[in-house]
Amino acid sequence: MNLLNFFKLKAMQDLLQAALSPASIVYTLLLIVVLFYWLGIIAGALDISAFDIDVDMDADVDVDVDVDVDADVDAGAEGGGAGWFAGALQFFNFGKLPFMLIMSFVLFFAWAISILAHYYVGHGSLLFSLALLFPNLFVSLGLTKILTTPLVPMFQNLDAGETAVDYIGEECELTLPANPSKMGQAQVIVDHSTLLINVKVSEQKPAAMYKGDKALIVGEDKEKGYYIIEKY
């Protein structure tokens, strides 16, 4: 064995040891799940949207194979405080890209940061792992945002090709709060399939609308990618 091969083997051994250490084992196991998911995609056994979910803070999390992730926050009676969480998810491209695609990036970055941080600083400390948890998540989400943003137009074009349907005149139900200045989301049923669309309330009837409200789709802003709705 030459010197180069020795160092390569040593590096692989160190990486495996770090990945299986108690400080990083959770990230490693989650990354293995992601790996099997993508193998299922390649083999044709899974669809890329197979694990898209509804995130509903006042109820539960429902698996939904028909639509992309819907970060759905209960607005309550007044809808106060609902927008920040949904806005944060949308900022990091949840709802714009398949959920598992985003989580694959997040978990890979979180795993890599954990490995490197423990190699140079933490040295396997569980206390260090706890202190690193939220900074790691924040940095991983930021890196994911940077790398996945160029993919958003591509997936929007794919969705447009698959769902070239005229929704104007159709009834919809809000899943995220909306008003004339703030974009929300609504679900509309087309051919027995429930689809999500981005919506804003018409400036002609500028009443704020909340989750569960029924609305009529009256127009579309194709350039900005949302539909205009009015409350029934």
Protein backbone atom coordinates (compact mmCIF):
# COMPACT_ATOMS: atom_id res chain seq x y z
CA MET A 1 0.00 0.00 0.00
CA ASN A 2 1.49 3.33 -1.02
CA LEU A 3 1.35 6.44 1.15
CA LEU A 4 -1.53 8.06 -0.77
CA ASN A 5 -3.74 5.00 -0.45
CA PHE A 6 -2.91 4.80 3.25
CA PHE A 7 -4.08 8.36 3.84
CA LYS A 8 -7.22 7.75 1.78
CA LEU A 9 -8.03 4.67 3.86
CA LYS A 10 -7.31 6.54 7.09
CA ALA A 11 -9.58 9.40 6.00
CA MET A 12 -12.41 6.98 5.17
CA GLN A 13 -12.00 5.25 8.52
CA ASP A 14 -12.07 8.59 10.34
CA LEU A 15 -15.17 9.67 8.42
CA LEU A 16 -16.99 6.41 9.17
CA GLN A 17 -16.04 6.63 12.83
CA ALA A 18 -17.27 10.23 13.03
CA ALA A 19 -20.52 9.41 11.19
CA LEU A 20 -21.31 6.55 13.57
CA SER A 21 -20.37 8.44 16.73
CA PRO A 22 -23.21 9.22 19.18
CA ALA A 23 -22.85 12.91 18.34
CA SER A 24 -23.67 12.42 14.63
CA ILE A 25 -25.50 9.09 14.43
CA VAL A 26 -28.97 10.70 14.16
CA TYR A 27 -27.91 12.73 11.12
CA THR A 28 -26.30 9.65 9.61
CA LEU A 29 -29.43 7.52 10.02
CA LEU A 30 -31.64 10.23 8.53
CA LEU A 31 -29.23 10.57 5.62
CA ILE A 32 -29.45 6.80 5.03
CA VAL A 33 -33.26 7.12 4.87
CA VAL A 34 -32.84 9.89 2.29
CA LEU A 35 -30.45 7.69 0.31
CA PHE A 36 -33.01 4.87 0.17
CA TYR A 37 -35.66 7.38 -0.87
CA TRP A 38 -33.59 8.50 -3.87
CA LEU A 39 -32.79 4.91 -4.75
CA GLY A 40 -36.54 4.30 -4.79
CA ILE A 41 -36.94 7.29 -7.13
CA ILE A 42 -34.26 5.95 -9.48
CA ALA A 43 -35.83 2.48 -9.44
CA GLY A 44 -39.24 3.93 -10.22
CA ALA A 45 -40.75 2.62 -7.00
CA LEU A 46 -41.41 6.09 -5.59
CA ASP A 47 -42.58 9.41 -6.95
CA ILE A 48 -40.60 12.54 -6.09
CA SER A 49 -43.69 13.95 -4.37
CA ALA A 50 -44.52 10.72 -2.52
CA PHE A 51 -43.75 12.19 0.90
CA ASP A 52 -45.01 15.72 0.41
CA ILE A 53 -46.95 16.73 3.50
CA ASP A 54 -49.42 19.18 4.99
CA VAL A 55 -47.87 20.90 8.00
CA ASP A 56 -50.78 22.01 10.16
CA MET A 57 -49.77 23.47 13.50
CA ASP A 58 -53.20 23.26 15.04
CA ALA A 59 -53.96 19.71 14.00
CA ASP A 60 -51.64 17.06 12.62
CA VAL A 61 -49.36 16.18 9.75
CA ASP A 62 -51.05 14.44 6.84
CA VAL A 63 -49.31 12.56 4.04
CA ASP A 64 -50.56 13.92 0.72
CA VAL A 65 -49.49 12.34 -2.57
CA ASP A 66 -51.37 14.81 -4.75
CA VAL A 67 -49.83 18.14 -3.84
CA ASP A 68 -46.56 19.72 -2.83
CA VAL A 69 -45.85 20.60 0.79
CA ASP A 70 -48.38 22.98 2.26
CA ALA A 71 -47.05 24.83 5.26
CA ASP A 72 -50.46 25.33 6.78
CA VAL A 73 -50.68 27.42 9.94
CA ASP A 74 -53.97 27.88 11.71
CA ALA A 75 -54.85 31.54 11.72
CA GLY A 76 -57.27 31.09 14.61
CA ALA A 77 -60.18 33.43 15.00
CA GLU A 78 -58.20 36.48 13.89
CA GLY A 79 -55.38 34.82 11.95
CA GLY A 80 -52.80 36.64 14.04
CA GLY A 81 -49.30 35.20 14.09
CA ALA A 82 -50.00 32.72 11.33
CA GLY A 83 -47.94 34.36 8.66
CA TRP A 84 -44.45 34.26 10.12
CA PHE A 85 -44.09 30.47 10.18
CA ALA A 86 -45.62 29.98 6.74
CA GLY A 87 -43.53 32.84 5.42
CA ALA A 88 -40.37 31.29 6.84
CA LEU A 89 -41.13 27.94 5.22
CA GLN A 90 -41.84 29.60 1.88
CA PHE A 91 -38.61 31.63 2.17
CA PHE A 92 -36.65 28.38 2.40
CA ASN A 93 -38.55 27.08 -0.67
CA PHE A 94 -40.92 24.71 1.15
CA GLY A 95 -44.06 24.56 -0.95
CA LYS A 96 -42.15 25.60 -4.04
CA LEU A 97 -40.14 22.38 -4.36
CA PRO A 98 -40.83 18.77 -3.34
CA PHE A 99 -40.48 18.37 0.41
CA MET A 100 -38.00 15.50 0.25
CA LEU A 101 -35.78 17.37 -2.20
CA ILE A 102 -35.38 20.22 0.27
CA MET A 103 -34.95 17.88 3.23
CA SER A 104 -32.25 15.96 1.36
CA PHE A 105 -30.19 19.14 1.10
CA VAL A 106 -30.92 20.17 4.69
CA LEU A 107 -29.94 16.78 6.12
CA PHE A 108 -26.80 16.51 4.01
CA PHE A 109 -25.59 19.94 5.13
CA ALA A 110 -26.54 19.25 8.77
CA TRP A 111 -24.65 15.95 8.63
CA ALA A 112 -21.55 17.53 7.06
CA ILE A 113 -21.54 20.45 9.51
CA SER A 114 -21.89 18.07 12.46
CA ILE A 115 -19.00 15.91 11.25
CA LEU A 116 -16.69 18.88 10.62
CA ALA A 117 -17.65 20.71 13.82
CA HIS A 118 -16.94 17.66 15.97
CA TYR A 119 -13.71 16.91 14.13
CA TYR A 120 -12.29 20.38 14.72
CA VAL A 121 -14.04 21.52 17.92
CA GLY A 122 -16.53 19.25 19.64
CA HIS A 123 -14.63 15.95 19.58
CA GLY A 124 -17.81 13.91 20.02
CA SER A 125 -19.25 15.85 22.96
CA LEU A 126 -23.01 15.36 23.30
CA LEU A 127 -23.29 18.71 25.08
CA PHE A 128 -21.60 20.34 22.11
CA SER A 129 -24.09 18.56 19.82
CA LEU A 130 -27.02 20.10 21.70
CA ALA A 131 -25.45 23.56 21.54
CA LEU A 132 -24.82 23.09 17.82
CA LEU A 133 -28.34 21.88 16.99
CA PHE A 134 -30.08 25.16 16.16
CA PRO A 135 -27.09 26.95 14.59
CA ASN A 136 -26.55 23.86 12.45
CA LEU A 137 -30.20 23.83 11.37
CA PHE A 138 -30.14 27.55 10.54
CA VAL A 139 -26.94 27.31 8.47
CA SER A 140 -28.19 24.15 6.72
CA LEU A 141 -31.45 25.86 5.78
CA GLY A 142 -29.52 28.88 4.50
CA LEU A 143 -27.25 26.76 2.31
CA THR A 144 -30.28 24.82 1.09
CA LYS A 145 -32.02 28.07 0.19
CA ILE A 146 -29.01 29.19 -1.88
CA LEU A 147 -28.65 25.90 -3.77
CA THR A 148 -32.33 25.15 -4.35
CA THR A 149 -33.56 28.59 -5.42
CA PRO A 150 -32.34 28.10 -9.03
CA LEU A 151 -34.49 24.93 -9.16
CA VAL A 152 -37.74 26.74 -8.32
CA PRO A 153 -38.49 28.06 -11.85
CA MET A 154 -37.82 24.63 -13.33
CA PHE A 155 -40.33 22.92 -11.03
CA GLN A 156 -42.85 25.72 -11.53
CA ASN A 157 -42.63 25.18 -15.28
CA LEU A 158 -43.09 21.44 -14.80
CA ASP A 159 -46.14 22.05 -12.64
CA ALA A 160 -47.52 24.49 -15.18
CA GLY A 161 -47.18 21.86 -17.90
CA GLU A 162 -48.92 19.25 -15.80
CA THR A 163 -51.73 21.48 -14.53
CA ALA A 164 -52.50 23.81 -17.42
CA VAL A 165 -56.04 24.34 -16.15
CA ASP A 166 -58.14 27.48 -16.17
CA TYR A 167 -59.09 27.95 -12.50
CA ILE A 168 -60.93 31.24 -13.03
CA GLY A 169 -64.52 30.86 -11.90
CA GLU A 170 -63.70 27.88 -9.68
CA GLU A 171 -64.27 27.72 -5.93
CA CYS A 172 -61.28 27.27 -3.62
CA GLU A 173 -60.62 26.91 0.09
CA LEU A 174 -57.79 28.78 1.77
CA THR A 175 -55.07 26.79 3.50
CA LEU A 176 -52.88 29.82 4.25
CA PRO A 177 -54.12 33.33 5.12
CA ALA A 178 -54.13 35.90 2.32
CA ASN A 179 -54.92 39.57 1.73
CA PRO A 180 -54.30 42.01 -1.14
CA SER A 181 -50.66 42.55 -0.15
CA LYS A 182 -49.79 39.11 1.24
CA MET A 183 -49.76 35.92 -0.79
CA GLY A 184 -51.44 32.86 0.66
CA GLN A 185 -52.38 29.42 -0.60
CA ALA A 186 -55.65 27.72 -1.44
CA GLN A 187 -56.71 24.27 -2.53
CA VAL A 188 -58.90 23.68 -5.54
CA ILE A 189 -60.38 20.37 -6.69
CA VAL A 190 -59.84 19.53 -10.36
CA ASP A 191 -60.79 16.15 -11.82
CA HIS A 192 -61.06 14.66 -8.31
CA SER A 193 -57.51 15.81 -7.47
CA THR A 194 -56.77 18.44 -4.84
CA LEU A 195 -54.21 20.97 -6.04
CA LEU A 196 -52.55 23.91 -4.31
CA ILE A 197 -52.39 27.37 -5.86
CA ASN A 198 -50.89 30.67 -4.71
CA VAL A 199 -53.52 33.36 -4.14
CA LYS A 200 -54.01 37.01 -3.24
CA VAL A 201 -57.26 38.76 -2.33
CA SER A 202 -58.69 41.12 -4.93
CA GLU A 203 -57.98 44.79 -4.28
CA GLN A 204 -61.59 45.52 -5.31
CA LYS A 205 -62.80 43.51 -2.29
CA PRO A 206 -59.82 43.75 0.07
CA ALA A 207 -61.13 41.74 3.03
CA ALA A 208 -58.47 39.60 4.70
CA MET A 209 -59.11 35.87 4.39
CA TYR A 210 -58.02 33.03 6.63
CA LYS A 211 -57.61 29.29 6.60
CA GLY A 212 -60.88 27.51 5.85
CA ASP A 213 -62.52 30.48 4.13
CA LYS A 214 -64.22 29.77 0.80
CA ALA A 215 -63.34 32.00 -2.13
CA LEU A 216 -64.01 32.44 -5.83
CA ILE A 217 -61.08 32.63 -8.24
CA VAL A 218 -61.66 35.76 -10.34
CA GLY A 219 -58.33 36.42 -12.02
CA GLU A 220 -54.68 35.49 -12.43
CA ASP A 221 -51.32 37.27 -12.35
CA LYS A 222 -49.31 34.97 -14.62
CA GLU A 223 -46.13 37.00 -14.29
CA LYS A 224 -46.04 36.72 -10.50
CA GLY A 225 -47.57 33.26 -10.38
CA TYR A 226 -50.71 33.69 -8.28
CA TYR A 227 -54.49 33.79 -8.65
CA ILE A 228 -56.79 36.58 -7.51
CA ILE A 229 -59.67 35.59 -5.25
CA GLU A 230 -62.76 37.14 -3.69
CA LYS A 231 -64.56 35.95 -0.60
CA TYR A 232 -67.96 34.34 -1.05
